[in-house]
All heavy atoms as atom14 arrays in JSON, in Angstrom:
{
  "sequence": "LVKTYSGGMVRRLEIACAMLIKPKIMFLDEPTIGLDPSAKKVVWEKLT",
  "atom14_mask": [
    [1, 1, 1, 1, 1, 1, 1, 1, 0, 0, 0, 0, 0, 0],
    [1, 1, 1, 1, 1, 1, 1, 0, 0, 0, 0, 0, 0, 0],
    [1, 1, 1, 1, 1, 1, 1, 1, 1, 0, 0, 0, 0, 0],
    [1, 1, 1, 1, 1, 1, 1, 0, 0, 0, 0, 0, 0, 0],
    [1, 1, 1, 1, 1, 1, 1, 1, 1, 1, 1, 1, 0, 0],
    [1, 1, 1, 1, 1, 1, 0, 0, 0, 0, 0, 0, 0, 0],
    [1, 1, 1, 1, 0, 0, 0, 0, 0, 0, 0, 0, 0, 0],
    [1, 1, 1, 1, 0, 0, 0, 0, 0, 0, 0, 0, 0, 0],
    [1, 1, 1, 1, 1, 1, 1, 1, 0, 0, 0, 0, 0, 0],
    [1, 1, 1, 1, 1, 1, 1, 0, 0, 0, 0, 0, 0, 0],
    [1, 1, 1, 1, 1, 1, 1, 1, 1, 1, 1, 0, 0, 0],
    [1, 1, 1, 1, 1, 1, 1, 1, 1, 1, 1, 0, 0, 0],
    [1, 1, 1, 1, 1, 1, 1, 1, 0, 0, 0, 0, 0, 0],
    [1, 1, 1, 1, 1, 1, 1, 1, 1, 0, 0, 0, 0, 0],
    [1, 1, 1, 1, 1, 1, 1, 1, 0, 0, 0, 0, 0, 0],
    [1, 1, 1, 1, 1, 0, 0, 0, 0, 0, 0, 0, 0, 0],
    [1, 1, 1, 1, 1, 1, 0, 0, 0, 0, 0, 0, 0, 0],
    [1, 1, 1, 1, 1, 0, 0, 0, 0, 0, 0, 0, 0, 0],
    [1, 1, 1, 1, 1, 1, 1, 1, 0, 0, 0, 0, 0, 0],
    [1, 1, 1, 1, 1, 1, 1, 1, 0, 0, 0, 0, 0, 0],
    [1, 1, 1, 1, 1, 1, 1, 1, 0, 0, 0, 0, 0, 0],
    [1, 1, 1, 1, 1, 1, 1, 1, 1, 0, 0, 0, 0, 0],
    [1, 1, 1, 1, 1, 1, 1, 0, 0, 0, 0, 0, 0, 0],
    [1, 1, 1, 1, 1, 1, 1, 1, 1, 0, 0, 0, 0, 0],
    [1, 1, 1, 1, 1, 1, 1, 1, 0, 0, 0, 0, 0, 0],
    [1, 1, 1, 1, 1, 1, 1, 1, 0, 0, 0, 0, 0, 0],
    [1, 1, 1, 1, 1, 1, 1, 1, 1, 1, 1, 0, 0, 0],
    [1, 1, 1, 1, 1, 1, 1, 1, 0, 0, 0, 0, 0, 0],
    [1, 1, 1, 1, 1, 1, 1, 1, 0, 0, 0, 0, 0, 0],
    [1, 1, 1, 1, 1, 1, 1, 1, 1, 0, 0, 0, 0, 0],
    [1, 1, 1, 1, 1, 1, 1, 0, 0, 0, 0, 0, 0, 0],
    [1, 1, 1, 1, 1, 1, 1, 0, 0, 0, 0, 0, 0, 0],
    [1, 1, 1, 1, 1, 1, 1, 1, 0, 0, 0, 0, 0, 0],
    [1, 1, 1, 1, 0, 0, 0, 0, 0, 0, 0, 0, 0, 0],
    [1, 1, 1, 1, 1, 1, 1, 1, 0, 0, 0, 0, 0, 0],
    [1, 1, 1, 1, 1, 1, 1, 1, 0, 0, 0, 0, 0, 0],
    [1, 1, 1, 1, 1, 1, 1, 0, 0, 0, 0, 0, 0, 0],
    [1, 1, 1, 1, 1, 1, 0, 0, 0, 0, 0, 0, 0, 0],
    [1, 1, 1, 1, 1, 0, 0, 0, 0, 0, 0, 0, 0, 0],
    [1, 1, 1, 1, 1, 1, 1, 1, 1, 0, 0, 0, 0, 0],
    [1, 1, 1, 1, 1, 1, 1, 1, 1, 0, 0, 0, 0, 0],
    [1, 1, 1, 1, 1, 1, 1, 0, 0, 0, 0, 0, 0, 0],
    [1, 1, 1, 1, 1, 1, 1, 0, 0, 0, 0, 0, 0, 0],
    [1, 1, 1, 1, 1, 1, 1, 1, 1, 1, 1, 1, 1, 1],
    [1, 1, 1, 1, 1, 1, 1, 1, 1, 0, 0, 0, 0, 0],
    [1, 1, 1, 1, 1, 1, 1, 1, 1, 0, 0, 0, 0, 0],
    [1, 1, 1, 1, 1, 1, 1, 1, 0, 0, 0, 0, 0, 0],
    [1, 1, 1, 1, 1, 1, 1, 0, 0, 0, 0, 0, 0, 0]
  ],
  "atom14_positions": [
    [[11.41, -8.53, -9.68], [10.36, -9.58, -9.32], [9.77, -9.24, -8.01], [10.46, -8.71, -7.07], [10.95, -10.89, -9.33], [11.34, -11.55, -10.72], [11.84, -12.96, -10.38], [10.37, -11.52, -11.8], [0.0, 0.0, 0.0], [0.0, 0.0, 0.0], [0.0, 0.0, 0.0], [0.0, 0.0, 0.0], [0.0, 0.0, 0.0], [0.0, 0.0, 0.0]],
    [[8.47, -9.22, -7.8], [7.7, -9.01, -6.68], [8.23, -9.86, -5.52], [8.14, -9.38, -4.26], [6.27, -8.92, -6.81], [5.53, -8.76, -5.58], [5.84, -7.86, -7.93], [0.0, 0.0, 0.0], [0.0, 0.0, 0.0], [0.0, 0.0, 0.0], [0.0, 0.0, 0.0], [0.0, 0.0, 0.0], [0.0, 0.0, 0.0], [0.0, 0.0, 0.0]],
    [[8.63, -11.16, -5.79], [9.03, -11.97, -4.72], [10.29, -11.45, -3.9], [10.62, -11.92, -2.88], [9.41, -13.37, -5.31], [10.54, -13.44, -6.3], [10.76, -15.0, -6.52], [9.58, -15.53, -7.24], [9.88, -16.92, -7.76], [0.0, 0.0, 0.0], [0.0, 0.0, 0.0], [0.0, 0.0, 0.0], [0.0, 0.0, 0.0], [0.0, 0.0, 0.0]],
    [[11.06, -10.53, -4.67], [12.14, -9.91, -3.93], [11.85, -8.62, -3.11], [12.71, -8.08, -2.4], [13.28, -9.45, -5.04], [12.59, -8.38, -5.77], [13.65, -10.65, -5.95], [0.0, 0.0, 0.0], [0.0, 0.0, 0.0], [0.0, 0.0, 0.0], [0.0, 0.0, 0.0], [0.0, 0.0, 0.0], [0.0, 0.0, 0.0], [0.0, 0.0, 0.0]],
    [[10.65, -8.29, -3.2], [10.11, -6.99, -2.46], [9.99, -7.4, -0.87], [9.57, -8.43, -0.52], [8.73, -6.54, -2.98], [8.8, -5.89, -4.26], [9.87, -5.95, -5.12], [7.66, -5.11, -4.73], [9.9, -5.28, -6.38], [7.63, -4.53, -5.97], [8.7, -4.57, -6.8], [8.75, -3.9, -7.99], [0.0, 0.0, 0.0], [0.0, 0.0, 0.0]],
    [[10.12, -6.43, -0.15], [9.77, -6.49, 1.24], [8.21, -6.51, 1.4], [7.5, -6.05, 0.45], [10.25, -5.33, 2.07], [9.7, -4.11, 1.76], [0.0, 0.0, 0.0], [0.0, 0.0, 0.0], [0.0, 0.0, 0.0], [0.0, 0.0, 0.0], [0.0, 0.0, 0.0], [0.0, 0.0, 0.0], [0.0, 0.0, 0.0], [0.0, 0.0, 0.0]],
    [[7.71, -6.8, 2.69], [6.26, -6.89, 2.88], [5.67, -5.44, 2.64], [4.63, -5.32, 2.03], [0.0, 0.0, 0.0], [0.0, 0.0, 0.0], [0.0, 0.0, 0.0], [0.0, 0.0, 0.0], [0.0, 0.0, 0.0], [0.0, 0.0, 0.0], [0.0, 0.0, 0.0], [0.0, 0.0, 0.0], [0.0, 0.0, 0.0], [0.0, 0.0, 0.0]],
    [[6.38, -4.48, 3.09], [5.79, -3.03, 2.96], [5.84, -2.63, 1.47], [4.95, -1.9, 0.95], [0.0, 0.0, 0.0], [0.0, 0.0, 0.0], [0.0, 0.0, 0.0], [0.0, 0.0, 0.0], [0.0, 0.0, 0.0], [0.0, 0.0, 0.0], [0.0, 0.0, 0.0], [0.0, 0.0, 0.0], [0.0, 0.0, 0.0], [0.0, 0.0, 0.0]],
    [[6.85, -3.1, 0.64], [6.83, -2.8, -0.75], [5.75, -3.36, -1.43], [5.11, -2.94, -2.33], [8.3, -3.14, -1.47], [9.43, -2.26, -0.84], [11.01, -2.94, -1.13], [11.08, -3.05, -2.86], [0.0, 0.0, 0.0], [0.0, 0.0, 0.0], [0.0, 0.0, 0.0], [0.0, 0.0, 0.0], [0.0, 0.0, 0.0], [0.0, 0.0, 0.0]],
    [[5.46, -4.63, -1.14], [4.34, -5.37, -1.76], [2.99, -4.66, -1.48], [2.11, -4.52, -2.34], [4.26, -6.86, -1.1], [2.98, -7.64, -1.69], [5.39, -7.64, -1.61], [0.0, 0.0, 0.0], [0.0, 0.0, 0.0], [0.0, 0.0, 0.0], [0.0, 0.0, 0.0], [0.0, 0.0, 0.0], [0.0, 0.0, 0.0], [0.0, 0.0, 0.0]],
    [[2.83, -4.27, -0.19], [1.53, -3.56, 0.09], [1.4, -2.2, -0.67], [0.42, -1.9, -1.14], [1.54, -3.21, 1.57], [0.04, -3.15, 2.09], [-0.73, -4.27, 1.84], [-2.0, -4.32, 2.43], [-3.04, -5.01, 1.98], [-3.04, -5.65, 0.89], [-4.16, -5.02, 2.81], [0.0, 0.0, 0.0], [0.0, 0.0, 0.0], [0.0, 0.0, 0.0]],
    [[2.65, -1.6, -0.75], [2.59, -0.25, -1.61], [2.28, -0.66, -3.11], [1.63, 0.18, -3.66], [3.86, 0.48, -1.51], [4.04, 1.23, -0.16], [5.27, 2.11, -0.11], [6.48, 1.21, 0.25], [7.61, 1.51, -0.25], [7.94, 2.42, -1.09], [8.66, 0.71, 0.31], [0.0, 0.0, 0.0], [0.0, 0.0, 0.0], [0.0, 0.0, 0.0]],
    [[2.69, -1.76, -3.58], [2.47, -2.08, -4.96], [1.02, -2.34, -5.11], [0.26, -1.9, -6.14], [3.29, -3.27, -5.32], [2.97, -3.82, -6.77], [3.44, -2.78, -7.83], [3.75, -5.16, -7.0], [0.0, 0.0, 0.0], [0.0, 0.0, 0.0], [0.0, 0.0, 0.0], [0.0, 0.0, 0.0], [0.0, 0.0, 0.0], [0.0, 0.0, 0.0]],
    [[0.36, -3.03, -4.22], [-1.1, -3.33, -4.22], [-1.85, -2.03, -4.22], [-2.93, -1.8, -5.06], [-1.43, -4.16, -3.04], [-0.82, -5.57, -3.24], [-1.12, -6.37, -1.96], [-0.88, -5.95, -0.76], [-1.61, -7.56, -2.12], [0.0, 0.0, 0.0], [0.0, 0.0, 0.0], [0.0, 0.0, 0.0], [0.0, 0.0, 0.0], [0.0, 0.0, 0.0]],
    [[-1.49, -1.08, -3.46], [-2.15, 0.22, -3.35], [-1.84, 0.92, -4.72], [-2.86, 1.71, -5.08], [-1.76, 1.05, -2.19], [-2.28, 0.32, -0.85], [-2.3, 2.39, -2.12], [-1.7, 0.92, 0.46], [0.0, 0.0, 0.0], [0.0, 0.0, 0.0], [0.0, 0.0, 0.0], [0.0, 0.0, 0.0], [0.0, 0.0, 0.0], [0.0, 0.0, 0.0]],
    [[-0.69, 0.91, -5.21], [-0.44, 1.54, -6.57], [-1.43, 0.98, -7.61], [-1.91, 1.68, -8.44], [1.02, 1.3, -6.97], [0.0, 0.0, 0.0], [0.0, 0.0, 0.0], [0.0, 0.0, 0.0], [0.0, 0.0, 0.0], [0.0, 0.0, 0.0], [0.0, 0.0, 0.0], [0.0, 0.0, 0.0], [0.0, 0.0, 0.0], [0.0, 0.0, 0.0]],
    [[-1.66, -0.47, -7.66], [-2.53, -1.0, -8.48], [-3.93, -0.41, -8.39], [-4.74, -0.12, -9.34], [-2.6, -2.4, -8.4], [-1.01, -3.37, -8.75], [0.0, 0.0, 0.0], [0.0, 0.0, 0.0], [0.0, 0.0, 0.0], [0.0, 0.0, 0.0], [0.0, 0.0, 0.0], [0.0, 0.0, 0.0], [0.0, 0.0, 0.0], [0.0, 0.0, 0.0]],
    [[-4.33, -0.11, -7.16], [-5.67, 0.4, -6.86], [-5.8, 1.81, -7.28], [-6.96, 2.26, -7.49], [-5.91, 0.29, -5.3], [0.0, 0.0, 0.0], [0.0, 0.0, 0.0], [0.0, 0.0, 0.0], [0.0, 0.0, 0.0], [0.0, 0.0, 0.0], [0.0, 0.0, 0.0], [0.0, 0.0, 0.0], [0.0, 0.0, 0.0], [0.0, 0.0, 0.0]],
    [[-4.66, 2.55, -7.25], [-4.68, 3.95, -7.65], [-4.77, 4.16, -9.18], [-4.97, 5.33, -9.61], [-3.48, 4.65, -7.14], [-3.54, 4.79, -5.62], [-1.86, 5.67, -5.01], [-2.28, 5.95, -3.31], [0.0, 0.0, 0.0], [0.0, 0.0, 0.0], [0.0, 0.0, 0.0], [0.0, 0.0, 0.0], [0.0, 0.0, 0.0], [0.0, 0.0, 0.0]],
    [[-4.46, 3.17, -10.04], [-4.3, 3.35, -11.41], [-5.31, 4.15, -12.09], [-5.15, 5.05, -12.89], [-4.19, 2.0, -12.18], [-2.8, 1.42, -12.27], [-2.97, 0.04, -13.0], [-1.81, 2.38, -13.1], [0.0, 0.0, 0.0], [0.0, 0.0, 0.0], [0.0, 0.0, 0.0], [0.0, 0.0, 0.0], [0.0, 0.0, 0.0], [0.0, 0.0, 0.0]],
    [[-6.62, 3.86, -11.72], [-7.71, 4.37, -12.4], [-8.23, 5.7, -11.73], [-9.33, 6.22, -12.13], [-8.87, 3.35, -12.55], [-9.41, 2.9, -11.23], [-8.47, 2.19, -13.54], [-10.78, 2.17, -11.33], [0.0, 0.0, 0.0], [0.0, 0.0, 0.0], [0.0, 0.0, 0.0], [0.0, 0.0, 0.0], [0.0, 0.0, 0.0], [0.0, 0.0, 0.0]],
    [[-7.5, 6.16, -10.81], [-8.04, 7.33, -9.97], [-9.53, 7.18, -9.56], [-10.48, 7.79, -9.95], [-7.78, 8.68, -10.8], [-6.68, 8.86, -11.41], [-5.5, 9.06, -10.41], [-4.25, 9.62, -11.0], [-3.52, 8.55, -11.89], [0.0, 0.0, 0.0], [0.0, 0.0, 0.0], [0.0, 0.0, 0.0], [0.0, 0.0, 0.0], [0.0, 0.0, 0.0]],
    [[-9.9, 6.1, -8.74], [-11.17, 5.72, -8.44], [-11.89, 6.88, -7.64], [-11.27, 7.64, -7.04], [-10.98, 4.54, -7.65], [-9.65, 4.64, -6.88], [-8.79, 5.26, -7.93], [0.0, 0.0, 0.0], [0.0, 0.0, 0.0], [0.0, 0.0, 0.0], [0.0, 0.0, 0.0], [0.0, 0.0, 0.0], [0.0, 0.0, 0.0], [0.0, 0.0, 0.0]],
    [[-13.18, 6.73, -7.62], [-13.77, 7.77, -6.8], [-14.03, 7.31, -5.3], [-14.01, 8.12, -4.4], [-15.36, 7.79, -7.25], [-15.58, 8.47, -8.6], [-17.07, 8.74, -8.82], [-17.53, 9.92, -8.06], [-18.94, 10.38, -8.28], [0.0, 0.0, 0.0], [0.0, 0.0, 0.0], [0.0, 0.0, 0.0], [0.0, 0.0, 0.0], [0.0, 0.0, 0.0]],
    [[-13.77, 5.96, -5.04], [-13.65, 5.39, -3.71], [-12.67, 4.25, -3.63], [-12.74, 3.41, -4.52], [-15.13, 5.08, -3.2], [-14.96, 4.57, -1.81], [-15.8, 4.14, -4.11], [-16.32, 4.47, -1.07], [0.0, 0.0, 0.0], [0.0, 0.0, 0.0], [0.0, 0.0, 0.0], [0.0, 0.0, 0.0], [0.0, 0.0, 0.0], [0.0, 0.0, 0.0]],
    [[-11.91, 4.29, -2.69], [-10.99, 3.18, -2.54], [-11.49, 2.44, -1.17], [-11.54, 3.0, -0.14], [-9.5, 3.56, -2.18], [-8.81, 4.26, -3.44], [-7.18, 4.75, -3.05], [-6.34, 3.04, -2.97], [0.0, 0.0, 0.0], [0.0, 0.0, 0.0], [0.0, 0.0, 0.0], [0.0, 0.0, 0.0], [0.0, 0.0, 0.0], [0.0, 0.0, 0.0]],
    [[-11.58, 0.97, -1.32], [-11.92, 0.18, -0.17], [-10.71, -0.54, 0.21], [-10.03, -1.28, -0.52], [-13.03, -0.87, -0.45], [-14.4, -0.16, -0.7], [-14.78, 0.28, -2.0], [-15.14, 0.09, 0.31], [-16.1, 0.77, -2.14], [-16.4, 0.67, 0.15], [-16.79, 1.01, -1.13], [0.0, 0.0, 0.0], [0.0, 0.0, 0.0], [0.0, 0.0, 0.0]],
    [[-10.16, -0.25, 1.45], [-8.89, -1.05, 1.94], [-9.27, -1.73, 3.11], [-9.6, -1.32, 4.07], [-7.93, 0.19, 2.22], [-7.7, 1.24, 1.35], [-6.86, 2.38, 1.82], [-7.12, 0.71, -0.08], [0.0, 0.0, 0.0], [0.0, 0.0, 0.0], [0.0, 0.0, 0.0], [0.0, 0.0, 0.0], [0.0, 0.0, 0.0], [0.0, 0.0, 0.0]],
    [[-9.0, -3.04, 2.93], [-9.12, -4.11, 4.12], [-7.84, -4.4, 4.75], [-6.95, -5.0, 4.28], [-9.82, -5.36, 3.47], [-10.35, -6.21, 4.64], [-10.29, -6.04, 5.74], [-11.03, -7.22, 4.27], [0.0, 0.0, 0.0], [0.0, 0.0, 0.0], [0.0, 0.0, 0.0], [0.0, 0.0, 0.0], [0.0, 0.0, 0.0], [0.0, 0.0, 0.0]],
    [[-7.71, -3.65, 5.99], [-6.36, -3.78, 6.66], [-5.22, -3.37, 5.74], [-4.31, -4.16, 5.56], [-6.11, -5.21, 7.21], [-7.28, -5.74, 8.08], [-7.28, -5.18, 9.51], [-6.35, -4.44, 9.72], [-8.1, -5.68, 10.39], [0.0, 0.0, 0.0], [0.0, 0.0, 0.0], [0.0, 0.0, 0.0], [0.0, 0.0, 0.0], [0.0, 0.0, 0.0]],
    [[-5.25, -2.09, 5.31], [-4.14, -1.75, 4.28], [-2.71, -1.81, 4.84], [-1.8, -1.96, 4.0], [-4.45, -0.19, 4.04], [-5.31, 0.24, 5.27], [-6.11, -1.0, 5.73], [0.0, 0.0, 0.0], [0.0, 0.0, 0.0], [0.0, 0.0, 0.0], [0.0, 0.0, 0.0], [0.0, 0.0, 0.0], [0.0, 0.0, 0.0], [0.0, 0.0, 0.0]],
    [[-2.49, -1.74, 6.17], [-1.04, -1.86, 6.56], [-0.81, -2.94, 7.65], [0.13, -2.76, 8.4], [-0.63, -0.44, 7.28], [-1.49, -0.17, 8.4], [-0.84, 0.71, 6.24], [0.0, 0.0, 0.0], [0.0, 0.0, 0.0], [0.0, 0.0, 0.0], [0.0, 0.0, 0.0], [0.0, 0.0, 0.0], [0.0, 0.0, 0.0], [0.0, 0.0, 0.0]],
    [[-1.67, -3.96, 7.68], [-1.55, -4.97, 8.57], [-0.16, -5.6, 8.5], [0.28, -6.04, 7.45], [-2.65, -6.04, 8.51], [-2.58, -6.9, 9.69], [-2.58, -6.77, 7.16], [-4.03, -7.77, 9.81], [0.0, 0.0, 0.0], [0.0, 0.0, 0.0], [0.0, 0.0, 0.0], [0.0, 0.0, 0.0], [0.0, 0.0, 0.0], [0.0, 0.0, 0.0]],
    [[0.57, -5.78, 9.6], [1.88, -6.46, 9.62], [3.0, -5.57, 9.12], [4.16, -6.05, 9.26], [0.0, 0.0, 0.0], [0.0, 0.0, 0.0], [0.0, 0.0, 0.0], [0.0, 0.0, 0.0], [0.0, 0.0, 0.0], [0.0, 0.0, 0.0], [0.0, 0.0, 0.0], [0.0, 0.0, 0.0], [0.0, 0.0, 0.0], [0.0, 0.0, 0.0]],
    [[2.82, -4.33, 8.79], [3.93, -3.49, 8.3], [4.62, -2.89, 9.53], [3.93, -2.55, 10.6], [3.43, -2.38, 7.47], [2.76, -2.9, 6.11], [2.59, -1.69, 5.13], [3.59, -4.07, 5.44], [0.0, 0.0, 0.0], [0.0, 0.0, 0.0], [0.0, 0.0, 0.0], [0.0, 0.0, 0.0], [0.0, 0.0, 0.0], [0.0, 0.0, 0.0]],
    [[5.85, -2.39, 9.5], [6.55, -1.8, 10.54], [6.18, -0.32, 10.59], [5.69, 0.12, 9.58], [8.02, -1.97, 10.4], [8.58, -1.28, 9.08], [8.48, -0.02, 8.99], [9.24, -1.87, 8.27], [0.0, 0.0, 0.0], [0.0, 0.0, 0.0], [0.0, 0.0, 0.0], [0.0, 0.0, 0.0], [0.0, 0.0, 0.0], [0.0, 0.0, 0.0]],
    [[6.3, 0.49, 11.58], [5.85, 1.78, 11.76], [6.23, 2.72, 10.61], [5.42, 3.44, 10.06], [6.47, 2.21, 13.14], [6.57, 1.1, 13.88], [6.96, 0.01, 12.94], [0.0, 0.0, 0.0], [0.0, 0.0, 0.0], [0.0, 0.0, 0.0], [0.0, 0.0, 0.0], [0.0, 0.0, 0.0], [0.0, 0.0, 0.0], [0.0, 0.0, 0.0]],
    [[7.55, 2.62, 10.16], [7.94, 3.33, 9.03], [7.25, 3.12, 7.76], [6.87, 4.09, 6.98], [9.44, 3.23, 8.8], [9.86, 2.07, 8.54], [0.0, 0.0, 0.0], [0.0, 0.0, 0.0], [0.0, 0.0, 0.0], [0.0, 0.0, 0.0], [0.0, 0.0, 0.0], [0.0, 0.0, 0.0], [0.0, 0.0, 0.0], [0.0, 0.0, 0.0]],
    [[7.01, 1.88, 7.5], [6.26, 1.35, 6.32], [4.79, 1.86, 6.39], [4.26, 2.44, 5.28], [6.37, 0.01, 6.15], [0.0, 0.0, 0.0], [0.0, 0.0, 0.0], [0.0, 0.0, 0.0], [0.0, 0.0, 0.0], [0.0, 0.0, 0.0], [0.0, 0.0, 0.0], [0.0, 0.0, 0.0], [0.0, 0.0, 0.0], [0.0, 0.0, 0.0]],
    [[4.16, 1.72, 7.53], [2.9, 2.29, 7.71], [2.91, 3.78, 7.43], [1.88, 4.28, 6.79], [2.48, 1.99, 9.15], [1.98, 0.63, 9.38], [1.78, 0.28, 10.93], [0.95, 1.23, 11.58], [0.68, 0.87, 13.02], [0.0, 0.0, 0.0], [0.0, 0.0, 0.0], [0.0, 0.0, 0.0], [0.0, 0.0, 0.0], [0.0, 0.0, 0.0]],
    [[3.73, 4.5, 8.02], [3.74, 5.9, 7.8], [3.77, 6.33, 6.24], [3.07, 7.23, 5.82], [4.89, 6.62, 8.64], [4.86, 8.15, 8.45], [5.9, 8.66, 9.43], [5.91, 10.14, 9.69], [6.37, 10.81, 8.45], [0.0, 0.0, 0.0], [0.0, 0.0, 0.0], [0.0, 0.0, 0.0], [0.0, 0.0, 0.0], [0.0, 0.0, 0.0]],
    [[4.63, 5.62, 5.57], [4.8, 5.91, 4.09], [3.49, 5.6, 3.31], [2.97, 6.43, 2.48], [5.92, 4.91, 3.43], [5.84, 5.06, 1.89], [7.2, 5.45, 3.98], [0.0, 0.0, 0.0], [0.0, 0.0, 0.0], [0.0, 0.0, 0.0], [0.0, 0.0, 0.0], [0.0, 0.0, 0.0], [0.0, 0.0, 0.0], [0.0, 0.0, 0.0]],
    [[2.85, 4.48, 3.64], [1.65, 4.15, 3.03], [0.52, 5.23, 3.24], [-0.19, 5.74, 2.28], [1.11, 2.7, 3.43], [-0.38, 2.59, 3.04], [2.01, 1.66, 2.94], [0.0, 0.0, 0.0], [0.0, 0.0, 0.0], [0.0, 0.0, 0.0], [0.0, 0.0, 0.0], [0.0, 0.0, 0.0], [0.0, 0.0, 0.0], [0.0, 0.0, 0.0]],
    [[0.41, 5.67, 4.59], [-0.72, 6.62, 4.84], [-0.31, 8.09, 4.21], [-1.2, 8.67, 3.95], [-0.92, 6.68, 6.28], [-1.92, 5.55, 6.6], [-1.69, 4.47, 7.33], [-3.26, 5.54, 6.32], [-2.79, 3.71, 7.43], [-3.83, 4.27, 6.8], [-4.18, 6.37, 5.45], [-5.08, 3.93, 6.56], [-5.36, 6.01, 5.39], [-6.0, 4.81, 5.88]],
    [[0.96, 8.37, 4.1], [1.23, 9.69, 3.62], [0.98, 9.61, 2.18], [0.34, 10.61, 1.53], [2.79, 9.84, 3.62], [3.3, 10.33, 5.0], [4.78, 10.41, 5.14], [5.57, 9.96, 4.17], [5.32, 11.05, 6.17], [0.0, 0.0, 0.0], [0.0, 0.0, 0.0], [0.0, 0.0, 0.0], [0.0, 0.0, 0.0], [0.0, 0.0, 0.0]],
    [[1.08, 8.51, 1.47], [0.73, 8.42, 0.02], [-0.8, 8.46, -0.13], [-1.44, 9.15, -1.06], [1.33, 7.14, -0.54], [2.86, 7.13, -0.51], [3.47, 8.15, -1.28], [5.07, 8.04, -1.19], [5.73, 9.19, -1.81], [0.0, 0.0, 0.0], [0.0, 0.0, 0.0], [0.0, 0.0, 0.0], [0.0, 0.0, 0.0], [0.0, 0.0, 0.0]],
    [[-1.48, 7.69, 0.7], [-2.93, 7.64, 0.57], [-3.57, 9.01, 0.89], [-4.51, 9.43, 0.27], [-3.53, 6.71, 1.56], [-3.36, 5.14, 1.19], [-3.71, 4.27, 2.44], [-4.24, 4.82, 0.01], [0.0, 0.0, 0.0], [0.0, 0.0, 0.0], [0.0, 0.0, 0.0], [0.0, 0.0, 0.0], [0.0, 0.0, 0.0], [0.0, 0.0, 0.0]],
    [[-2.98, 9.72, 1.84], [-3.55, 11.05, 2.21], [-3.29, 12.05, 1.18], [-4.26, 12.73, 0.8], [-2.91, 11.56, 3.56], [-3.21, 10.64, 4.51], [-3.45, 12.87, 3.9], [0.0, 0.0, 0.0], [0.0, 0.0, 0.0], [0.0, 0.0, 0.0], [0.0, 0.0, 0.0], [0.0, 0.0, 0.0], [0.0, 0.0, 0.0], [0.0, 0.0, 0.0]]
  ]
}
């Protein structure tokens, strides 16, 4: 259940949802706000 996820895991799940259709453009409003440095790094590695 998502309620058992950490904040960083929830944000990664939201980005996974956005990646599903391989969009031409992704709009991200504060994609890593509130995440710790290691979680931020993971998100940006995946996005890059």
